[in-house]
C-alpha atoms as a PDB file:
ATOM      1  CA  MET A   1       0.000   0.000   0.000  1.00  0.00           C
ATOM      2  CA  ALA A   2       1.207   3.498  -0.748  1.00  0.00           C
ATOM      3  CA  ASP A   3       2.600   5.507   2.147  1.00  0.00           C
ATOM      4  CA  PHE A   4       0.157   8.413   2.058  1.00  0.00           C
ATOM      5  CA  SER A   5       1.944  10.198   4.897  1.00  0.00           C
ATOM      6  CA  SER A   6       5.013  10.885   2.706  1.00  0.00           C
ATOM      7  CA  ASP A   7       3.210  11.508  -0.586  1.00  0.00           C
ATOM      8  CA  ARG A   8       1.882  15.022  -1.203  1.00  0.00           C
ATOM      9  CA  ALA A   9      -0.637  13.832  -3.784  1.00  0.00           C
ATOM     10  CA  GLY A  10      -1.738  11.109  -1.387  1.00  0.00           C
ATOM     11  CA  LEU A  11      -2.132  13.587   1.442  1.00  0.00           C
ATOM     12  CA  ALA A  12      -4.261  15.809  -0.768  1.00  0.00           C
ATOM     13  CA  GLY A  13      -6.485  12.827  -1.505  1.00  0.00           C
ATOM     14  CA  LEU A  14      -6.836  12.048   2.185  1.00  0.00           C
ATOM     15  CA  ARG A  15      -7.772  15.644   2.953  1.00  0.00           C
ATOM     16  CA  ARG A  16     -10.559  15.486   0.366  1.00  0.00           C
ATOM     17  CA  LEU A  17     -12.026  12.169   1.543  1.00  0.00           C
ATOM     18  CA  ARG A  18     -14.556  13.590   3.990  1.00  0.00           C
ATOM     19  CA  GLU A  19     -15.698  16.279   1.552  1.00  0.00           C
ATOM     20  CA  HIS A  20     -16.033  13.722  -1.227  1.00  0.00           C
ATOM     21  CA  LEU A  21     -18.147  11.372   0.889  1.00  0.00           C
ATOM     22  CA  GLN A  22     -20.400  14.148   2.153  1.00  0.00           C
ATOM     23  CA  ASP A  23     -20.946  15.364  -1.423  1.00  0.00           C
ATOM     24  CA  THR A  24     -21.750  11.838  -2.566  1.00  0.00           C
ATOM     25  CA  ILE A  25     -23.731  10.360   0.364  1.00  0.00           C
ATOM     26  CA  LEU A  26     -26.534  12.797   1.094  1.00  0.00           C
ATOM     27  CA  GLY A  27     -28.136  13.237   4.504  1.00  0.00           C
ATOM     28  CA  GLN A  28     -25.577  11.217   6.486  1.00  0.00           C
ATOM     29  CA  GLU A  29     -23.061  13.873   7.518  1.00  0.00           C
ATOM     30  CA  GLU A  30     -22.256  12.470  10.958  1.00  0.00           C
ATOM     31  CA  ALA A  31     -21.882   8.880   9.757  1.00  0.00           C
ATOM     32  CA  VAL A  32     -19.649   9.661   6.772  1.00  0.00           C
ATOM     33  CA  ALA A  33     -17.517  11.964   8.917  1.00  0.00           C
ATOM     34  CA  GLY A  34     -16.968   9.060  11.312  1.00  0.00           C
ATOM     35  CA  LEU A  35     -16.180   6.711   8.438  1.00  0.00           C
ATOM     36  CA  SER A  36     -13.720   9.195   6.984  1.00  0.00           C
ATOM     37  CA  ASP A  37     -11.981   9.763  10.331  1.00  0.00           C
ATOM     38  CA  ALA A  38     -11.562   6.028  10.940  1.00  0.00           C
ATOM     39  CA  LEU A  39     -10.223   5.306   7.461  1.00  0.00           C
ATOM     40  CA  LEU A  40      -7.817   8.237   7.606  1.00  0.00           C
ATOM     41  CA  ALA A  41      -6.409   7.121  10.957  1.00  0.00           C
ATOM     42  CA  GLY A  42      -5.701   3.711   9.468  1.00  0.00           C
ATOM     43  CA  GLU A  43      -4.176   5.088   6.283  1.00  0.00           C
ATOM     44  CA  MET A  44      -1.906   7.382   8.280  1.00  0.00           C
ATOM     45  CA  GLY A  45      -0.643   4.479  10.386  1.00  0.00           C
ATOM     46  CA  HIS A  46      -2.292   5.415  13.687  1.00  0.00           C
ATOM     47  CA  THR A  47      -3.527   1.922  14.528  1.00  0.00           C
ATOM     48  CA  PRO A  48      -1.759  -0.678  16.689  1.00  0.00           C
ATOM     49  CA  HIS A  49       0.627  -3.109  15.051  1.00  0.00           C
ATOM     50  CA  GLY A  50      -0.984  -6.467  14.371  1.00  0.00           C
ATOM     51  CA  ARG A  51      -4.505  -5.073  14.014  1.00  0.00           C
ATOM     52  CA  PRO A  52      -6.548  -4.218  10.930  1.00  0.00           C
ATOM     53  CA  ARG A  53      -6.316  -0.595   9.865  1.00  0.00           C
ATOM     54  CA  SER A  54      -9.815  -0.160  11.283  1.00  0.00           C
ATOM     55  CA  MET A  55     -12.667  -2.305  12.640  1.00  0.00           C
ATOM     56  CA  LEU A  56     -16.007  -0.558  12.079  1.00  0.00           C
ATOM     57  CA  LEU A  57     -19.627  -1.473  12.751  1.00  0.00           C
ATOM     58  CA  VAL A  58     -22.050   0.421  10.501  1.00  0.00           C
ATOM     59  CA  LEU A  59     -25.705   0.368  11.558  1.00  0.00           C
ATOM     60  CA  GLY A  60     -28.814   1.652   9.816  1.00  0.00           C
ATOM     61  CA  PRO A  61     -31.761   0.813   7.570  1.00  0.00           C
ATOM     62  CA  THR A  62     -31.475  -0.583   4.060  1.00  0.00           C
ATOM     63  CA  GLY A  63     -31.130   2.004   1.295  1.00  0.00           C
ATOM     64  CA  THR A  64     -29.559   4.794   3.366  1.00  0.00           C
ATOM     65  CA  GLY A  65     -26.068   4.712   1.832  1.00  0.00           C
ATOM     66  CA  LYS A  66     -24.046   2.317   4.017  1.00  0.00           C
ATOM     67  CA  THR A  67     -22.543   0.190   1.260  1.00  0.00           C
ATOM     68  CA  ARG A  68     -22.338   3.099  -1.183  1.00  0.00           C
ATOM     69  CA  ALA A  69     -20.249   5.056   1.327  1.00  0.00           C
ATOM     70  CA  VAL A  70     -17.818   2.145   1.623  1.00  0.00           C
ATOM     71  CA  THR A  71     -17.422   1.690  -2.131  1.00  0.00           C
ATOM     72  CA  GLU A  72     -17.019   5.446  -2.678  1.00  0.00           C
ATOM     73  CA  ALA A  73     -14.334   5.573   0.006  1.00  0.00           C
ATOM     74  CA  SER A  74     -12.517   2.695  -1.703  1.00  0.00           C
ATOM     75  CA  ARG A  75     -12.708   4.410  -5.079  1.00  0.00           C
ATOM     76  CA  HIS A  76     -11.396   7.674  -3.654  1.00  0.00           C
ATOM     77  CA  LEU A  77      -8.551   6.132  -1.656  1.00  0.00           C
ATOM     78  CA  TYR A  78      -7.434   3.297  -3.919  1.00  0.00           C
ATOM     79  CA  GLY A  79      -8.834   4.127  -7.335  1.00  0.00           C
ATOM     80  CA  THR A  80     -11.112   1.091  -7.344  1.00  0.00           C
ATOM     81  CA  GLU A  81     -14.603   0.259  -6.096  1.00  0.00           C
ATOM     82  CA  ALA A  82     -13.454  -3.319  -5.532  1.00  0.00           C
ATOM     83  CA  ILE A  83     -14.172  -4.524  -2.005  1.00  0.00           C
ATOM     84  CA  ALA A  84     -14.092  -8.032  -0.549  1.00  0.00           C
ATOM     85  CA  ARG A  85     -17.753  -8.472   0.313  1.00  0.00           C
ATOM     86  CA  ILE A  86     -19.016 -11.345   2.454  1.00  0.00           C
ATOM     87  CA  ASN A  87     -22.802 -11.577   2.758  1.00  0.00           C
ATOM     88  CA  ALA A  88     -23.025 -12.967   6.278  1.00  0.00           C
ATOM     89  CA  ALA A  89     -26.701 -13.847   5.768  1.00  0.00           C
ATOM     90  CA  GLU A  90     -25.537 -16.647   3.458  1.00  0.00           C
ATOM     91  CA  PHE A  91     -23.794 -18.292   6.408  1.00  0.00           C
ATOM     92  CA  SER A  92     -26.629 -18.588   8.885  1.00  0.00           C
ATOM     93  CA  SER A  93     -25.998 -22.304   9.493  1.00  0.00           C
ATOM     94  CA  GLU A  94     -22.873 -24.219  10.457  1.00  0.00           C
ATOM     95  CA  GLU A  95     -23.240 -26.392   7.359  1.00  0.00           C
ATOM     96  CA  ARG A  96     -22.266 -23.352   5.278  1.00  0.00           C
ATOM     97  CA  VAL A  97     -18.997 -22.726   7.131  1.00  0.00           C
ATOM     98  CA  PRO A  98     -16.801 -24.755   4.716  1.00  0.00           C
ATOM     99  CA  LEU A  99     -17.966 -22.526   1.874  1.00  0.00           C
ATOM    100  CA  LEU A 100     -16.550 -19.551   3.758  1.00  0.00           C
ATOM    101  CA  LEU A 101     -13.377 -20.951   5.284  1.00  0.00           C
ATOM    102  CA  GLY A 102     -12.499 -23.734   2.843  1.00  0.00           C
ATOM    103  CA  THR A 103     -11.605 -27.309   3.684  1.00  0.00           C
ATOM    104  CA  ALA A 104      -8.628 -29.191   5.044  1.00  0.00           C
ATOM    105  CA  ALA A 105      -8.254 -30.683   1.565  1.00  0.00           C
ATOM    106  CA  GLY A 106      -7.000 -27.336   0.339  1.00  0.00           C
ATOM    107  CA  ALA A 107     -10.058 -25.488  -0.951  1.00  0.00           C
ATOM    108  CA  ARG A 108      -9.602 -21.830   0.003  1.00  0.00           C
ATOM    109  CA  GLY A 109     -13.242 -20.927   0.521  1.00  0.00           C
ATOM    110  CA  LEU A 110     -14.956 -17.631  -0.196  1.00  0.00           C
ATOM    111  CA  LEU A 111     -12.993 -15.561   2.330  1.00  0.00           C
ATOM    112  CA  GLY A 112      -9.572 -16.508   0.996  1.00  0.00           C
ATOM    113  CA  ALA A 113     -10.666 -16.079  -2.614  1.00  0.00           C
ATOM    114  CA  GLN A 114     -12.260 -12.689  -1.924  1.00  0.00           C
ATOM    115  CA  VAL A 115      -9.175 -11.328  -0.151  1.00  0.00           C
ATOM    116  CA  GLU A 116      -6.934 -12.557  -2.963  1.00  0.00           C
ATOM    117  CA  ARG A 117      -9.105 -10.837  -5.602  1.00  0.00           C
ATOM    118  CA  LEU A 118      -9.259  -7.698  -3.472  1.00  0.00           C
ATOM    119  CA  ARG A 119      -5.485  -7.350  -3.302  1.00  0.00           C
ATOM    120  CA  ALA A 120      -5.148  -8.046  -7.027  1.00  0.00           C
ATOM    121  CA  ALA A 121      -7.577  -5.188  -7.704  1.00  0.00           C
ATOM    122  CA  GLY A 122      -5.732  -2.816  -5.387  1.00  0.00           C
ATOM    123  CA  GLY A 123      -8.530  -2.541  -2.805  1.00  0.00           C
ATOM    124  CA  ARG A 124      -8.141  -2.635   0.955  1.00  0.00           C
ATOM    125  CA  ILE A 125     -11.655  -3.003   2.420  1.00  0.00           C
ATOM    126  CA  LEU A 126     -13.253  -6.220   3.690  1.00  0.00           C
ATOM    127  CA  LEU A 127     -17.017  -5.766   4.076  1.00  0.00           C
ATOM    128  CA  LEU A 128     -19.015  -8.158   6.285  1.00  0.00           C
ATOM    129  CA  ASP A 129     -22.583  -7.422   5.235  1.00  0.00           C
ATOM    130  CA  GLU A 130     -25.552  -8.075   7.566  1.00  0.00           C
ATOM    131  CA  ILE A 131     -23.298  -9.547  10.229  1.00  0.00           C
ATOM    132  CA  GLU A 132     -26.229 -10.045  12.616  1.00  0.00           C
ATOM    133  CA  LYS A 133     -27.633 -12.770  10.336  1.00  0.00           C
ATOM    134  CA  ALA A 134     -24.542 -14.986  10.463  1.00  0.00           C
ATOM    135  CA  ASN A 135     -24.389 -18.157  12.503  1.00  0.00           C
ATOM    136  CA  PRO A 136     -22.792 -17.291  15.890  1.00  0.00           C
ATOM    137  CA  ARG A 137     -19.793 -19.479  15.088  1.00  0.00           C
ATOM    138  CA  VAL A 138     -19.287 -17.683  11.785  1.00  0.00           C
ATOM    139  CA  SER A 139     -19.641 -14.190  13.251  1.00  0.00           C
ATOM    140  CA  ASP A 140     -17.246 -15.034  16.098  1.00  0.00           C
ATOM    141  CA  TYR A 141     -14.756 -16.342  13.567  1.00  0.00           C
ATOM    142  CA  LEU A 142     -15.029 -13.330  11.295  1.00  0.00           C
ATOM    143  CA  LEU A 143     -14.889 -10.827  14.096  1.00  0.00           C
ATOM    144  CA  GLY A 144     -11.794 -12.573  15.416  1.00  0.00           C
ATOM    145  CA  ILE A 145     -10.120 -10.653  12.600  1.00  0.00           C
ATOM    146  CA  GLU A 146      -9.472  -8.117  15.358  1.00  0.00           C
ATOM    147  CA  GLU A 147      -6.066  -9.803  15.641  1.00  0.00           C
ATOM    148  CA  ALA A 148      -5.473  -9.137  11.910  1.00  0.00           C
ATOM    149  CA  ALA A 149      -4.883 -12.804  11.118  1.00  0.00           C
ATOM    150  CA  ILE A 150      -7.351 -15.544  10.326  1.00  0.00           C
ATOM    151  CA  THR A 151      -6.574 -19.221   9.749  1.00  0.00           C
ATOM    152  CA  LEU A 152      -8.426 -21.035   6.992  1.00  0.00           C
ATOM    153  CA  ALA A 153      -9.440 -24.691   7.201  1.00  0.00           C
ATOM    154  CA  SER A 154      -6.462 -25.563   4.975  1.00  0.00           C
ATOM    155  CA  GLY A 155      -4.092 -24.194   7.605  1.00  0.00           C
ATOM    156  CA  GLU A 156      -3.247 -21.091   5.567  1.00  0.00           C
ATOM    157  CA  THR A 157      -3.112 -17.892   7.604  1.00  0.00           C
ATOM    158  CA  LEU A 158      -4.401 -14.693   6.038  1.00  0.00           C
ATOM    159  CA  ASP A 159      -2.646 -11.519   7.153  1.00  0.00           C
ATOM    160  CA  LEU A 160      -5.294  -8.790   7.249  1.00  0.00           C
ATOM    161  CA  SER A 161      -3.254  -6.050   8.900  1.00  0.00           C
ATOM    162  CA  ASP A 162      -3.345  -3.953   5.706  1.00  0.00           C
ATOM    163  CA  LEU A 163      -7.153  -4.051   5.463  1.00  0.00           C
ATOM    164  CA  HIS A 164     -10.053  -2.066   6.860  1.00  0.00           C
ATOM    165  CA  VAL A 165     -12.708  -4.457   8.189  1.00  0.00           C
ATOM    166  CA  ILE A 166     -16.243  -3.035   8.070  1.00  0.00           C
ATOM    167  CA  ALA A 167     -19.329  -4.903   9.300  1.00  0.00           C
ATOM    168  CA  THR A 168     -22.833  -3.678   8.491  1.00  0.00           C
ATOM    169  CA  SER A 169     -26.027  -4.509  10.342  1.00  0.00           C
ATOM    170  CA  ASN A 170     -29.725  -3.635  10.144  1.00  0.00           C
ATOM    171  CA  VAL A 171     -30.171  -4.042  13.900  1.00  0.00           C
ATOM    172  CA  GLY A 172     -32.491  -1.266  15.129  1.00  0.00           C
ATOM    173  CA  SER A 173     -33.632  -0.341  11.616  1.00  0.00           C
ATOM    174  CA  ALA A 174     -37.342  -0.797  12.262  1.00  0.00           C
ATOM    175  CA  GLY A 175     -37.154   1.711  15.091  1.00  0.00           C
ATOM    176  CA  ILE A 176     -35.125   4.196  13.047  1.00  0.00           C
ATOM    177  CA  VAL A 177     -37.831   4.230  10.362  1.00  0.00           C
ATOM    178  CA  GLU A 178     -40.346   5.269  13.008  1.00  0.00           C
ATOM    179  CA  MET A 179     -38.108   8.049  14.393  1.00  0.00           C
ATOM    180  CA  GLU A 180     -38.386  10.559  11.563  1.00  0.00           C
ATOM    181  CA  GLY A 181     -37.888  14.058  12.957  1.00  0.00           C
ATOM    182  CA  VAL A 182     -36.225  12.789  16.143  1.00  0.00           C
ATOM    183  CA  ALA A 183     -32.834  14.293  17.031  1.00  0.00           C
ATOM    184  CA  ARG A 184     -29.880  12.335  15.630  1.00  0.00           C
ATOM    185  CA  SER A 185     -28.384  11.970  19.111  1.00  0.00           C
ATOM    186  CA  SER A 186     -31.542  10.217  20.307  1.00  0.00           C
ATOM    187  CA  VAL A 187     -31.571   7.968  17.257  1.00  0.00           C
ATOM    188  CA  ARG A 188     -27.952   7.028  17.900  1.00  0.00           C
ATOM    189  CA  ARG A 189     -28.625   6.171  21.559  1.00  0.00           C
ATOM    190  CA  TYR A 190     -31.561   4.002  20.532  1.00  0.00           C
ATOM    191  CA  VAL A 191     -29.531   2.115  17.903  1.00  0.00           C
ATOM    192  CA  GLU A 192     -26.600   1.588  20.265  1.00  0.00           C
ATOM    193  CA  GLN A 193     -29.009   0.130  22.840  1.00  0.00           C
ATOM    194  CA  GLU A 194     -30.457  -2.215  20.212  1.00  0.00           C
ATOM    195  CA  ALA A 195     -26.950  -3.286  19.168  1.00  0.00           C
ATOM    196  CA  ALA A 196     -25.985  -3.904  22.788  1.00  0.00           C
ATOM    197  CA  ALA A 197     -29.071  -6.111  23.175  1.00  0.00           C
ATOM    198  CA  HIS A 198     -28.210  -8.125  20.056  1.00  0.00           C
ATOM    199  CA  PHE A 199     -24.411  -8.446  20.163  1.00  0.00           C
ATOM    200  CA  ARG A 200     -22.405  -9.696  23.148  1.00  0.00           C
ATOM    201  CA  PRO A 201     -20.305  -7.003  24.858  1.00  0.00           C
ATOM    202  CA  GLU A 202     -17.040  -8.655  23.821  1.00  0.00           C
ATOM    203  CA  VAL A 203     -18.183  -8.523  20.183  1.00  0.00           C
ATOM    204  CA  LEU A 204     -19.036  -4.822  20.282  1.00  0.00           C
ATOM    205  CA  ALA A 205     -15.749  -4.111  22.043  1.00  0.00           C
ATOM    206  CA  ARG A 206     -13.851  -5.334  18.993  1.00  0.00           C
ATOM    207  CA  PHE A 207     -15.011  -2.374  16.913  1.00  0.00           C
ATOM    208  CA  THR A 208     -12.983   0.821  17.022  1.00  0.00           C
ATOM    209  CA  SER A 209     -16.009   2.852  15.851  1.00  0.00           C
ATOM    210  CA  ILE A 210     -19.764   2.369  15.628  1.00  0.00           C
ATOM    211  CA  LEU A 211     -21.448   4.475  12.925  1.00  0.00           C
ATOM    212  CA  VAL A 212     -25.193   5.068  12.535  1.00  0.00           C
ATOM    213  CA  PHE A 213     -26.892   5.860   9.223  1.00  0.00           C
ATOM    214  CA  GLY A 214     -30.259   7.478   9.871  1.00  0.00           C
ATOM    215  CA  HIS A 215     -33.602   7.690   8.085  1.00  0.00           C
ATOM    216  CA  LEU A 216     -33.566  10.033   5.077  1.00  0.00           C
ATOM    217  CA  THR A 217     -35.850  13.067   5.136  1.00  0.00           C
ATOM    218  CA  ARG A 218     -38.178  13.994   2.284  1.00  0.00           C
ATOM    219  CA  GLU A 219     -35.827  16.813   1.265  1.00  0.00           C
ATOM    220  CA  ILE A 220     -32.904  14.385   1.003  1.00  0.00           C
ATOM    221  CA  GLN A 221     -35.064  11.930  -0.931  1.00  0.00           C
ATOM    222  CA  LEU A 222     -35.781  14.647  -3.512  1.00  0.00           C
ATOM    223  CA  ARG A 223     -32.087  15.507  -3.798  1.00  0.00           C
ATOM    224  CA  ILE A 224     -31.152  11.852  -4.285  1.00  0.00           C
ATOM    225  CA  CYS A 225     -33.855  11.487  -6.924  1.00  0.00           C
ATOM    226  CA  GLY A 226     -32.597  14.653  -8.640  1.00  0.00           C
ATOM    227  CA  ARG A 227     -29.131  13.172  -8.978  1.00  0.00           C
ATOM    228  CA  MET A 228     -30.523   9.930 -10.364  1.00  0.00           C
ATOM    229  CA  VAL A 229     -32.678  11.822 -12.858  1.00  0.00           C
ATOM    230  CA  ASP A 230     -29.730  14.011 -13.955  1.00  0.00           C
ATOM    231  CA  HIS A 231     -27.644  10.894 -14.554  1.00  0.00           C
ATOM    232  CA  GLU A 232     -30.397   9.138 -16.499  1.00  0.00           C
ATOM    233  CA  VAL A 233     -31.332  12.093 -18.739  1.00  0.00           C
ATOM    234  CA  SER A 234     -27.659  12.668 -19.547  1.00  0.00           C
ATOM    235  CA  PHE A 235     -27.334   9.011 -20.527  1.00  0.00           C
ATOM    236  CA  GLN A 236     -30.520   9.118 -22.634  1.00  0.00           C
ATOM    237  CA  SER A 237     -29.394  12.324 -24.376  1.00  0.00           C
ATOM    238  CA  GLY A 238     -26.370  10.416 -25.596  1.00  0.00           C
ATOM    239  CA  VAL A 239     -28.493   7.417 -26.619  1.00  0.00           C
ATOM    240  CA  LEU A 240     -30.846   9.554 -28.731  1.00  0.00           C
ATOM    241  CA  SER A 241     -28.037  11.592 -30.274  1.00  0.00           C
ATOM    242  CA  ARG A 242     -26.206   8.465 -31.400  1.00  0.00           C
ATOM    243  CA  LYS A 243     -29.409   6.773 -32.531  1.00  0.00           C
ATOM    244  CA  PHE A 244     -30.652   9.604 -34.741  1.00  0.00           C
ATOM    245  CA  GLY A 245     -27.309  11.063 -35.792  1.00  0.00           C
ATOM    246  CA  HIS A 246     -27.855  14.581 -34.465  1.00  0.00           C
ATOM    247  CA  PRO A 247     -27.923  16.232 -31.033  1.00  0.00           C
ATOM    248  CA  HIS A 248     -30.832  15.582 -28.688  1.00  0.00           C
ATOM    249  CA  ARG A 249     -31.032  17.046 -25.225  1.00  0.00           C
ATOM    250  CA  VAL A 250     -33.287  15.380 -22.654  1.00  0.00           C
ATOM    251  CA  LEU A 251     -34.378  17.568 -19.732  1.00  0.00           C
ATOM    252  CA  ALA A 252     -36.603  16.882 -16.726  1.00  0.00           C
ATOM    253  CA  GLY A 253     -39.083  19.433 -15.397  1.00  0.00           C
ATOM    254  CA  PRO A 254     -39.093  20.299 -11.675  1.00  0.00           C
ATOM    255  CA  ASP A 255     -42.256  18.261 -11.082  1.00  0.00           C
ATOM    256  CA  VAL A 256     -40.742  14.979 -12.271  1.00  0.00           C
ATOM    257  CA  CYS A 257     -38.839  14.188  -9.077  1.00  0.00           C
ATOM    258  CA  ARG A 258     -41.888  14.775  -6.919  1.00  0.00           C
ATOM    259  CA  ARG A 259     -43.734  12.111  -8.900  1.00  0.00           C
ATOM    260  CA  LEU A 260     -40.785   9.708  -8.903  1.00  0.00           C
ATOM    261  CA  VAL A 261     -40.083  10.042  -5.177  1.00  0.00           C
ATOM    262  CA  GLY A 262     -43.721   9.330  -4.432  1.00  0.00           C
ATOM    263  CA  GLU A 263     -43.484   6.136  -6.452  1.00  0.00           C
ATOM    264  CA  GLY A 264     -39.888   5.094  -5.805  1.00  0.00           C
ATOM    265  CA  TRP A 265     -39.325   5.801  -2.120  1.00  0.00           C
ATOM    266  CA  HIS A 266     -39.903   2.812   0.135  1.00  0.00           C
ATOM    267  CA  ARG A 267     -40.366   3.293   3.862  1.00  0.00           C
ATOM    268  CA  SER A 268     -38.223   0.326   4.869  1.00  0.00           C
ATOM    269  CA  LEU A 269     -36.034  -0.092   1.751  1.00  0.00           C
ATOM    270  CA  GLY A 270     -35.102   3.600   1.504  1.00  0.00           C
ATOM    271  CA  ALA A 271     -33.691   4.820  -1.809  1.00  0.00           C
ATOM    272  CA  ARG A 272     -32.854   1.350  -3.096  1.00  0.00           C
ATOM    273  CA  PRO A 273     -35.967   0.936  -5.351  1.00  0.00           C
ATOM    274  CA  MET A 274     -35.818   4.526  -6.621  1.00  0.00           C
ATOM    275  CA  ARG A 275     -33.175   4.041  -9.308  1.00  0.00           C
ATOM    276  CA  ASN A 276     -35.281   1.333 -10.982  1.00  0.00           C
ATOM    277  CA  VAL A 277     -38.335   3.617 -10.934  1.00  0.00           C
ATOM    278  CA  VAL A 278     -36.356   6.557 -12.372  1.00  0.00           C
ATOM    279  CA  GLU A 279     -34.949   4.449 -15.190  1.00  0.00           C
ATOM    280  CA  ARG A 280     -38.234   2.700 -15.954  1.00  0.00           C
ATOM    281  CA  ARG A 281     -40.359   5.867 -16.088  1.00  0.00           C
ATOM    282  CA  ILE A 282     -37.927   8.005 -18.076  1.00  0.00           C
ATOM    283  CA  ARG A 283     -37.180   5.268 -20.580  1.00  0.00           C
ATOM    284  CA  GLY A 284     -40.876   4.477 -20.872  1.00  0.00           C
ATOM    285  CA  ALA A 285     -41.668   8.121 -21.672  1.00  0.00           C
ATOM    286  CA  LEU A 286     -39.020   8.243 -24.386  1.00  0.00           C
ATOM    287  CA  VAL A 287     -40.129   4.954 -25.925  1.00  0.00           C
ATOM    288  CA  ASP A 288     -43.758   6.137 -25.929  1.00  0.00           C
ATOM    289  CA  SER A 289     -42.766   9.379 -27.648  1.00  0.00           C
ATOM    290  CA  GLN A 290     -40.933   7.485 -30.386  1.00  0.00           C
ATOM    291  CA  LEU A 291     -43.822   5.045 -30.912  1.00  0.00           C
ATOM    292  CA  ARG A 292     -46.186   8.010 -31.362  1.00  0.00           C
ATOM    293  CA  GLY A 293     -43.830   9.465 -33.962  1.00  0.00           C
ATOM    294  CA  ALA A 294     -43.201  12.608 -31.930  1.00  0.00           C
ATOM    295  CA  LEU A 295     -39.507  11.883 -31.518  1.00  0.00           C
ATOM    296  CA  GLY A 296     -37.248  10.647 -34.287  1.00  0.00           C
ATOM    297  CA  PRO A 297     -34.789  11.634 -37.025  1.00  0.00           C
ATOM    298  CA  GLY A 298     -34.910  15.235 -38.132  1.00  0.00           C
ATOM    299  CA  VAL A 299     -33.798  18.601 -36.855  1.00  0.00           C
ATOM    300  CA  ARG A 300     -32.104  19.169 -33.543  1.00  0.00           C
ATOM    301  CA  GLU A 301     -34.581  18.512 -30.786  1.00  0.00           C
ATOM    302  CA  SER A 302     -34.915  18.944 -27.055  1.00  0.00           C
ATOM    303  CA  VAL A 303     -37.093  16.600 -25.034  1.00  0.00           C
ATOM    304  CA  LEU A 304     -38.795  17.841 -21.892  1.00  0.00           C
ATOM    305  CA  LEU A 305     -39.975  15.237 -19.405  1.00  0.00           C
ATOM    306  CA  ALA A 306     -42.953  16.411 -17.367  1.00  0.00           C
ATOM    307  CA  ASP A 307     -45.394  14.983 -14.855  1.00  0.00           C
ATOM    308  CA  ARG A 308     -48.867  14.495 -16.273  1.00  0.00           C
ATOM    309  CA  PRO A 309     -51.981  12.881 -14.749  1.00  0.00           C
ATOM    310  CA  GLU A 310     -51.242   9.746 -16.771  1.00  0.00           C
ATOM    311  CA  GLY A 311     -47.587   9.688 -15.659  1.00  0.00           C
ATOM    312  CA  ILE A 312     -44.203  10.962 -16.881  1.00  0.00           C
ATOM    313  CA  ARG A 313     -44.475  12.095 -20.516  1.00  0.00           C
ATOM    314  CA  ALA A 314     -42.002  13.462 -23.081  1.00  0.00           C
ATOM    315  CA  ALA A 315     -42.716  16.643 -25.038  1.00  0.00           C
ATOM    316  CA  VAL A 316     -40.517  17.462 -28.028  1.00  0.00           C
ATOM    317  CA  ALA A 317     -39.445  21.011 -28.935  1.00  0.00           C
ATOM    318  CA  ARG A 318     -37.703  22.092 -32.117  1.00  0.00           C
ATOM    319  CA  ALA A 319     -35.713  24.735 -30.253  1.00  0.00           C
ATOM    320  CA  PRO A 320     -33.661  24.302 -27.077  1.00  0.00           C
ATOM    321  CA  ILE A 321     -35.741  24.337 -23.907  1.00  0.00           C
ATOM    322  CA  THR A 322     -34.740  26.559 -21.024  1.00  0.00           C
ATOM    323  CA  LEU A 323     -35.938  25.417 -17.608  1.00  0.00           C
END
């Protein structure tokens, strides 16, 4: 791994990590600040010898940005979104343990293979997703990574001292969903109490930081939708321009996101279903416009997407549209 502490370009990248995460992960300022601080401490060498660079527990509902924050941090620090991701829910029974740890006959198992691929890709983050769903034996084994070394069934020892180990959990999520408008400090206390009730004290003590991702407000939902819409209309502008051989510009009116948030936001799944709704509705409007003959080869055209009683519809203008 590069020594960021002696590399000016590397130091500049470290300084920008928190800003980058807060620009990318909306509505989770406290959590991404904590993630940034923990990762930076590890990258700068301020963790004990023989331990992972960090051991983090990330709590919060589905669709609030937990995994996205981790992959964005990896991309910013290492130039790759590659992470070694273990879905702990797949190892809820002891019969599944050999798939994770390998066998005495020499099979490496998922953990060894994932870490090997991670290093080949230049990444440094091991993600243990939904750790609360793992069989107790599996979770104890994985969280024993605190010592930065783990022995596979084949006898091979993996040195994990150059990795950040991040476990995610949905413990307390149902309560968070019901706490909209409640102060973040109160939400955090509630989630920490729920985690303490679920995990043994010695398990929680292994984590250097516990981060809480909260419920997203309506305002944040609209901002997230706006970014998704901007990305999709930019992509579709390119599709139409290439398809018809002349420039097309797709734009979305200010009412579009209100419609899409109403359809795409899920109380317990958060923003996760919204991208599919954004893509489906925008693409459907453009396909409908082409089938009606309103959009096709010809002069330069701009396409305005607007909310109508029957849904999102595309209107074509022969001159550029100014919103």
